[in-house]
N, C-alpha and C. Protein backbone atom coordinates (compact mmCIF):
# COMPACT_ATOMS: atom_id res chain seq x y z
N MET A 1 52.10 170.03 240.26
CA MET A 1 52.69 170.33 238.88
C MET A 1 51.87 170.88 237.75
N ALA A 2 52.86 172.09 237.34
CA ALA A 2 52.21 173.27 236.22
C ALA A 2 52.63 172.39 234.81
N PHE A 3 51.05 172.59 234.07
CA PHE A 3 50.99 172.05 232.75
C PHE A 3 50.82 173.79 231.49
N ASP A 4 51.40 173.80 230.61
CA ASP A 4 51.44 174.65 229.78
C ASP A 4 50.45 174.06 228.48
N ASN A 5 49.47 175.16 228.59
CA ASN A 5 48.77 175.01 227.21
C ASN A 5 48.67 175.48 226.47
N THR A 6 50.34 176.31 225.99
CA THR A 6 50.02 176.94 224.70
C THR A 6 49.96 176.17 223.51
N VAL A 7 49.74 176.34 222.34
CA VAL A 7 49.41 176.18 221.02
C VAL A 7 50.07 176.81 219.83
N THR A 8 50.15 176.25 218.68
CA THR A 8 50.64 177.22 217.59
C THR A 8 50.06 175.99 216.28
N VAL A 9 48.93 177.16 215.90
CA VAL A 9 48.35 176.40 214.55
C VAL A 9 48.63 177.28 213.29
N VAL A 10 48.77 177.09 212.44
CA VAL A 10 48.54 177.35 211.20
C VAL A 10 47.69 177.00 210.23
N GLY A 11 46.86 177.71 209.58
CA GLY A 11 45.75 177.31 209.32
C GLY A 11 44.97 178.34 208.35
N ASN A 12 44.02 177.77 207.98
CA ASN A 12 43.38 178.80 206.62
C ASN A 12 42.04 179.48 207.58
N VAL A 13 41.69 180.86 207.28
CA VAL A 13 40.44 181.50 208.19
C VAL A 13 39.43 180.96 207.53
N THR A 14 38.00 180.50 208.22
CA THR A 14 37.02 180.06 207.86
C THR A 14 35.90 181.18 207.55
N ARG A 15 36.15 181.80 208.20
CA ARG A 15 35.22 183.16 208.38
C ARG A 15 35.75 184.48 208.83
N ASP A 16 34.73 185.41 208.15
CA ASP A 16 35.57 186.70 208.42
C ASP A 16 35.60 187.10 209.67
N PRO A 17 36.77 188.05 210.49
CA PRO A 17 36.59 188.00 211.63
C PRO A 17 35.22 189.27 212.14
N GLU A 18 34.89 188.54 213.40
CA GLU A 18 33.57 189.63 213.92
C GLU A 18 34.29 190.48 214.78
N LEU A 19 34.07 191.53 214.76
CA LEU A 19 34.61 192.55 215.84
C LEU A 19 33.67 193.06 216.31
N ARG A 20 33.70 193.21 217.98
CA ARG A 20 32.53 193.60 218.60
C ARG A 20 33.41 194.52 220.12
N PHE A 21 32.75 194.97 221.06
CA PHE A 21 32.81 195.57 222.02
C PHE A 21 32.29 195.65 222.99
N THR A 22 32.95 195.31 224.29
CA THR A 22 32.22 194.88 225.51
C THR A 22 31.51 196.30 225.87
N GLN A 23 30.83 196.19 226.92
CA GLN A 23 30.08 197.28 227.65
C GLN A 23 30.84 198.50 228.06
N GLY A 24 32.38 197.69 228.33
CA GLY A 24 33.32 198.55 228.61
C GLY A 24 34.31 198.97 227.77
N GLY A 25 34.00 198.74 226.67
CA GLY A 25 34.45 199.50 225.62
C GLY A 25 35.78 198.94 224.96
N MET A 26 36.19 197.47 225.54
CA MET A 26 37.26 196.59 224.78
C MET A 26 36.89 196.00 223.73
N ALA A 27 37.63 195.97 222.86
CA ALA A 27 37.33 195.41 221.25
C ALA A 27 38.08 193.79 221.92
N VAL A 28 37.09 193.07 220.79
CA VAL A 28 36.97 191.75 220.90
C VAL A 28 36.67 190.96 219.79
N ALA A 29 37.60 190.10 219.07
CA ALA A 29 37.39 189.56 217.76
C ALA A 29 37.44 187.84 217.82
N SER A 30 36.62 187.69 216.88
CA SER A 30 36.42 186.09 216.88
C SER A 30 36.38 185.74 215.53
N PHE A 31 36.98 184.67 215.02
CA PHE A 31 36.62 183.69 213.80
C PHE A 31 37.25 182.32 213.67
N GLY A 32 37.17 181.84 212.83
CA GLY A 32 37.28 180.11 212.68
C GLY A 32 38.56 179.97 212.01
N VAL A 33 39.22 178.97 212.22
CA VAL A 33 40.38 178.52 211.34
C VAL A 33 40.29 176.99 211.30
N ALA A 34 40.99 176.57 210.29
CA ALA A 34 40.84 175.18 209.84
C ALA A 34 42.31 174.63 209.50
N TRP A 35 42.55 173.71 210.22
CA TRP A 35 44.16 173.25 210.43
C TRP A 35 43.78 171.84 209.51
N ASN A 36 44.73 171.75 208.41
CA ASN A 36 44.54 170.71 207.33
C ASN A 36 45.61 169.46 207.47
N LYS A 37 45.32 168.38 207.70
CA LYS A 37 46.74 167.21 207.81
C LYS A 37 46.45 166.53 206.71
N ARG A 38 47.42 166.49 205.62
CA ARG A 38 47.38 165.43 204.69
C ARG A 38 47.82 164.47 205.16
N ARG A 39 46.87 163.27 204.30
CA ARG A 39 47.36 161.60 204.53
C ARG A 39 47.64 161.12 203.42
N GLN A 40 48.86 160.08 203.35
CA GLN A 40 49.20 159.60 202.10
C GLN A 40 47.97 158.97 201.32
N ASP A 41 47.17 158.44 202.13
CA ASP A 41 45.83 157.60 201.51
C ASP A 41 44.79 158.45 201.08
N GLY A 42 45.38 159.97 200.87
CA GLY A 42 43.98 160.67 200.60
C GLY A 42 42.77 161.62 201.62
N ASP A 43 43.01 160.69 202.87
CA ASP A 43 42.34 160.78 203.26
C ASP A 43 42.18 162.11 204.34
N ASP A 44 42.36 163.64 204.23
CA ASP A 44 42.57 164.17 205.11
C ASP A 44 41.86 164.49 206.02
N GLU A 45 42.62 165.03 207.25
CA GLU A 45 41.95 165.10 208.52
C GLU A 45 41.97 167.10 208.75
N VAL A 46 41.05 167.50 208.94
CA VAL A 46 40.63 168.80 209.04
C VAL A 46 40.23 168.61 210.51
N SER A 47 40.63 170.02 211.25
CA SER A 47 40.06 170.16 212.58
C SER A 47 40.02 171.87 212.25
N PHE A 48 38.64 171.71 213.20
CA PHE A 48 38.33 173.52 212.88
C PHE A 48 38.16 174.07 214.74
N PHE A 49 38.61 175.04 214.53
CA PHE A 49 38.82 175.90 215.78
C PHE A 49 38.27 177.43 216.11
N ASP A 50 37.95 177.68 216.61
CA ASP A 50 37.52 179.33 216.80
C ASP A 50 38.30 179.74 217.88
N VAL A 51 38.55 181.10 217.23
CA VAL A 51 39.87 182.11 217.92
C VAL A 51 39.40 183.74 218.20
N THR A 52 39.53 183.97 219.52
CA THR A 52 39.33 185.08 219.77
C THR A 52 40.59 185.57 220.31
N CYS A 53 40.55 187.23 220.08
CA CYS A 53 41.72 188.14 220.45
C CYS A 53 40.53 189.10 221.05
N PHE A 54 41.45 190.06 221.75
CA PHE A 54 41.44 191.17 222.58
C PHE A 54 42.09 192.32 221.85
N ARG A 55 41.28 193.81 222.42
CA ARG A 55 42.13 194.65 222.06
C ARG A 55 42.43 195.37 220.75
N ASP A 56 43.83 195.66 221.18
CA ASP A 56 44.48 196.60 219.96
C ASP A 56 44.69 195.16 218.73
N MET A 57 44.73 194.25 219.31
CA MET A 57 44.97 193.08 218.49
C MET A 57 43.60 192.60 217.73
N ALA A 58 42.68 192.69 218.76
CA ALA A 58 41.52 192.40 217.69
C ALA A 58 41.09 193.48 216.41
N GLU A 59 41.22 194.89 216.99
CA GLU A 59 40.94 195.90 215.97
C GLU A 59 41.95 195.50 214.65
N ASN A 60 43.20 195.31 215.04
CA ASN A 60 44.24 194.84 213.59
C ASN A 60 43.71 193.72 212.98
N VAL A 61 43.27 192.30 213.82
CA VAL A 61 42.63 191.26 212.82
C VAL A 61 41.41 191.74 211.94
N ALA A 62 40.75 192.61 212.45
CA ALA A 62 39.28 193.03 211.93
C ALA A 62 39.89 193.38 210.65
N GLU A 63 40.74 194.51 210.51
CA GLU A 63 41.60 195.16 209.71
C GLU A 63 42.40 194.35 208.40
N SER A 64 42.71 193.00 208.93
CA SER A 64 44.26 192.94 208.12
C SER A 64 43.55 191.14 207.70
N ILE A 65 42.69 190.51 208.16
CA ILE A 65 42.70 189.22 207.52
C ILE A 65 41.22 189.07 207.06
N GLN A 66 41.17 187.98 206.03
CA GLN A 66 39.56 187.72 206.13
C GLN A 66 39.46 186.12 205.69
N LYS A 67 38.08 185.73 205.30
CA LYS A 67 38.23 184.39 205.05
C LYS A 67 39.00 183.77 204.16
N GLY A 68 39.85 182.64 204.12
CA GLY A 68 40.63 182.38 203.10
C GLY A 68 41.91 182.60 203.30
N SER A 69 42.42 183.70 204.48
CA SER A 69 43.57 183.84 204.77
C SER A 69 44.14 182.72 205.38
N ARG A 70 45.76 182.64 205.27
CA ARG A 70 46.59 181.70 205.87
C ARG A 70 47.11 182.40 207.14
N VAL A 71 46.97 181.79 208.01
CA VAL A 71 47.48 182.43 209.64
C VAL A 71 48.41 181.77 210.55
N VAL A 72 49.29 181.90 211.15
CA VAL A 72 49.72 181.92 212.08
C VAL A 72 48.90 181.88 213.58
N ILE A 73 48.60 181.31 214.36
CA ILE A 73 48.01 181.85 215.58
C ILE A 73 48.80 180.80 216.88
N TYR A 74 49.23 182.12 217.97
CA TYR A 74 50.01 181.40 219.21
C TYR A 74 49.08 181.66 219.75
N GLY A 75 48.59 180.84 221.16
CA GLY A 75 47.77 181.20 222.37
C GLY A 75 47.66 180.08 223.04
N THR A 76 46.39 180.21 224.05
CA THR A 76 46.26 178.95 225.10
C THR A 76 44.95 178.60 224.58
N LEU A 77 44.66 177.24 224.74
CA LEU A 77 43.32 176.48 224.70
C LEU A 77 42.09 176.99 226.17
N GLN A 78 41.21 176.92 225.89
CA GLN A 78 40.48 177.16 226.83
C GLN A 78 39.10 176.05 226.22
N GLN A 79 38.52 175.88 227.32
CA GLN A 79 37.49 174.93 227.16
C GLN A 79 36.03 175.80 227.83
N ARG A 80 35.06 175.92 227.08
CA ARG A 80 33.91 176.35 227.69
C ARG A 80 32.87 175.18 227.49
N SER A 81 32.36 175.29 228.42
CA SER A 81 30.69 174.57 228.39
C SER A 81 29.29 175.23 229.00
N TRP A 82 28.34 174.86 228.21
CA TRP A 82 27.22 175.62 228.44
C TRP A 82 26.16 174.37 227.99
N GLU A 83 24.93 174.80 228.70
CA GLU A 83 23.43 174.51 228.47
C GLU A 83 22.63 174.72 227.38
N THR A 84 22.18 174.35 226.40
CA THR A 84 21.28 175.25 225.40
C THR A 84 19.98 175.13 225.89
N PRO A 85 19.11 175.86 225.22
CA PRO A 85 17.65 176.19 225.83
C PRO A 85 16.78 174.89 225.65
N GLU A 86 17.14 173.59 225.04
CA GLU A 86 16.48 172.53 225.19
C GLU A 86 17.22 171.65 226.37
N GLY A 87 18.27 171.95 226.92
CA GLY A 87 18.87 171.16 228.09
C GLY A 87 19.75 170.22 227.90
N ASP A 88 20.76 170.36 226.18
CA ASP A 88 21.35 169.43 226.13
C ASP A 88 22.76 170.30 226.43
N LYS A 89 23.87 169.49 226.79
CA LYS A 89 25.15 169.95 227.36
C LYS A 89 25.89 170.10 226.14
N ARG A 90 26.55 171.23 225.92
CA ARG A 90 27.60 171.77 224.61
C ARG A 90 28.88 171.91 225.78
N SER A 91 30.29 171.53 224.52
CA SER A 91 31.14 171.96 225.24
C SER A 91 31.90 172.46 223.91
N LYS A 92 33.18 173.06 223.78
CA LYS A 92 33.77 173.57 222.59
C LYS A 92 35.30 173.82 223.33
N VAL A 93 36.28 173.73 222.63
CA VAL A 93 37.71 173.81 222.76
C VAL A 93 37.83 175.04 221.99
N GLU A 94 38.66 176.47 222.20
CA GLU A 94 38.77 177.21 221.57
C GLU A 94 40.47 178.06 222.08
N ILE A 95 41.15 179.07 221.06
CA ILE A 95 42.10 179.20 221.24
C ILE A 95 41.89 181.05 221.34
N LEU A 96 42.60 181.30 222.57
CA LEU A 96 42.66 182.63 223.25
C LEU A 96 44.35 182.90 222.33
N ALA A 97 43.76 184.10 221.69
CA ALA A 97 45.44 184.05 220.76
C ALA A 97 46.32 185.23 221.40
N ASP A 98 47.40 184.89 221.32
CA ASP A 98 48.47 185.85 222.11
C ASP A 98 49.06 186.73 220.96
N GLU A 99 49.27 186.09 220.06
CA GLU A 99 50.18 186.41 218.52
C GLU A 99 49.27 185.87 217.53
N ILE A 100 48.91 186.54 216.24
CA ILE A 100 48.42 186.31 215.29
C ILE A 100 48.59 187.24 213.73
N ALA A 101 49.62 186.09 212.98
CA ALA A 101 50.60 186.58 211.69
C ALA A 101 49.79 185.56 210.50
N PRO A 102 50.23 186.76 209.38
CA PRO A 102 49.88 186.00 207.83
C PRO A 102 50.83 184.80 207.66
N SER A 103 50.72 184.03 207.35
CA SER A 103 51.92 182.68 207.21
C SER A 103 52.15 182.90 205.63
N LEU A 104 53.78 183.09 205.65
CA LEU A 104 54.22 183.80 204.64
C LEU A 104 55.09 182.49 203.53
N LYS A 105 54.33 181.86 203.91
CA LYS A 105 54.73 180.31 203.10
C LYS A 105 54.34 180.46 201.44
N TRP A 106 52.89 181.06 200.97
CA TRP A 106 52.63 180.74 200.20
C TRP A 106 52.42 182.35 199.80
N ALA A 107 52.48 183.51 200.61
CA ALA A 107 51.70 184.79 200.14
C ALA A 107 52.96 185.90 200.72
N THR A 108 52.98 187.16 199.93
CA THR A 108 53.85 188.30 200.94
C THR A 108 52.85 189.51 201.81
N ALA A 109 53.19 190.01 202.31
CA ALA A 109 52.04 190.83 203.35
C ALA A 109 53.12 192.13 203.25
N GLN A 110 52.10 192.92 203.37
CA GLN A 110 52.85 194.42 203.58
C GLN A 110 52.54 194.74 204.75
N VAL A 111 53.59 194.90 206.05
CA VAL A 111 52.90 195.17 207.71
C VAL A 111 53.34 196.73 207.70
N THR A 112 52.23 197.23 208.46
CA THR A 112 52.58 198.49 208.95
C THR A 112 52.13 198.91 210.21
N LYS A 113 53.33 199.44 210.77
CA LYS A 113 52.82 199.99 212.36
C LYS A 113 51.89 200.95 212.47
N ASN A 114 50.96 200.35 213.47
CA ASN A 114 50.46 201.68 214.11
C ASN A 114 50.99 202.34 215.43
N ASP A 115 50.93 203.42 215.05
CA ASP A 115 51.70 204.12 216.25
C ASP A 115 50.13 204.73 217.03
N LYS A 116 50.35 204.59 218.48
CA LYS A 116 49.53 205.25 219.31
C LYS A 116 49.01 206.72 219.69
N LYS A 117 48.18 207.36 219.30
CA LYS A 117 47.97 208.45 219.59
C LYS A 117 47.13 209.15 220.62
N GLY A 118 46.97 209.69 221.68
CA GLY A 118 45.92 210.34 222.51
C GLY A 118 45.56 209.47 223.57
N ASP A 119 44.33 209.36 224.02
CA ASP A 119 44.45 208.87 225.80
C ASP A 119 45.19 207.24 225.45
N GLY A 120 45.50 206.60 224.55
CA GLY A 120 45.81 205.08 225.10
C GLY A 120 44.91 204.27 224.72
N GLY A 121 43.84 204.82 225.03
CA GLY A 121 42.50 203.62 225.13
C GLY A 121 42.70 202.84 223.89
N SER A 122 41.85 201.60 223.67
CA SER A 122 42.04 200.54 222.28
C SER A 122 40.70 201.21 221.39
N ARG A 123 39.67 201.86 222.07
CA ARG A 123 38.57 202.40 221.50
C ARG A 123 38.70 203.58 220.97
N GLY A 124 38.44 204.02 219.69
CA GLY A 124 38.58 205.40 219.08
C GLY A 124 39.52 206.23 219.26
N SER A 125 40.75 205.38 219.44
CA SER A 125 42.34 205.99 219.58
C SER A 125 42.38 206.31 218.67
N ASP A 126 42.93 207.53 218.02
CA ASP A 126 43.89 208.31 216.91
C ASP A 126 44.94 207.41 216.57
N TYR A 127 45.23 206.90 215.63
CA TYR A 127 45.64 206.44 215.08
C TYR A 127 46.37 206.77 213.38
N SER A 128 48.39 206.66 213.15
CA SER A 128 48.91 206.95 212.33
C SER A 128 49.39 206.02 211.59
N SER A 129 49.49 205.16 210.72
CA SER A 129 50.14 204.15 210.18
C SER A 129 51.56 204.78 209.35
N ARG A 130 52.42 204.01 209.47
CA ARG A 130 53.54 204.50 208.82
C ARG A 130 54.33 202.91 208.45
N PRO A 131 55.19 202.83 207.13
CA PRO A 131 55.51 201.61 207.13
C PRO A 131 56.79 201.30 207.84
N VAL A 132 57.11 200.01 208.54
CA VAL A 132 58.23 199.47 209.08
C VAL A 132 59.26 199.17 208.17
N SER A 133 60.48 200.13 208.66
CA SER A 133 61.55 199.59 207.78
C SER A 133 62.62 198.57 207.96
N ASN A 134 62.85 198.01 206.94
CA ASN A 134 63.59 196.86 206.97
C ASN A 134 64.97 196.90 206.72
N GLU A 135 65.32 198.44 206.70
CA GLU A 135 67.11 198.58 206.56
C GLU A 135 67.56 198.54 208.21
N PRO A 136 68.97 197.81 208.41
CA PRO A 136 69.30 197.96 209.46
C PRO A 136 70.05 199.26 210.14
N PRO A 137 69.76 199.14 211.21
CA PRO A 137 70.56 200.62 211.79
C PRO A 137 71.86 201.20 211.71
N ALA A 138 71.96 202.55 211.06
CA ALA A 138 73.30 202.68 210.68
C ALA A 138 74.15 202.36 211.67
N TYR A 139 75.74 202.13 211.00
CA TYR A 139 76.65 201.52 211.79
C TYR A 139 77.82 202.30 211.95
N ASP A 140 78.22 202.55 213.34
CA ASP A 140 79.13 203.37 213.50
C ASP A 140 80.59 202.64 213.56
N SER A 141 81.45 202.90 212.81
CA SER A 141 82.82 202.13 212.84
C SER A 141 83.63 202.48 213.39
N ASP A 142 83.57 203.45 214.41
CA ASP A 142 84.04 203.78 215.58
C ASP A 142 84.14 203.29 217.00
N GLU A 143 82.68 202.49 216.65
CA GLU A 143 81.86 202.06 217.82
C GLU A 143 82.33 200.66 218.02
N GLU A 144 82.62 200.07 219.53
CA GLU A 144 82.88 198.38 219.53
C GLU A 144 81.86 197.57 218.97
N PRO A 145 81.71 196.86 218.33
CA PRO A 145 80.82 195.89 218.08
C PRO A 145 80.07 195.30 219.50
N PHE A 146 80.61 195.18 220.91
CA PHE A 146 80.11 194.38 222.02
C PHE A 146 80.76 195.35 223.09
């Protein structure tokens, strides 16, 4: 039996993204997010998650979001376990992000598309930015719609 462990979380960023690079040059960004559930009795439930993303998305996240931003995260859950130097066992569940977007419920966003140029690598690539057009493509009245 196959299980799908995808998750979508909408929450607030609790710490600025930390961007680092692996020895092979792959970008990795990690940050925290808090998800709040409002309860009628006034006792809110809060869950905290660590979020990790890779490559171009990691670089874009590091440039685009900061502590306090409201984001929508789509990804998979991964549990990690380790032992502390004192011998205590620890584990946590984190989100490996496939997509991260700003939440537009209480804010607006300006989207800029990154065009890759050069060798196609994620580190040190030459990027140029241009606004993404919201205009529909031109319609040819002589063309069949389907």
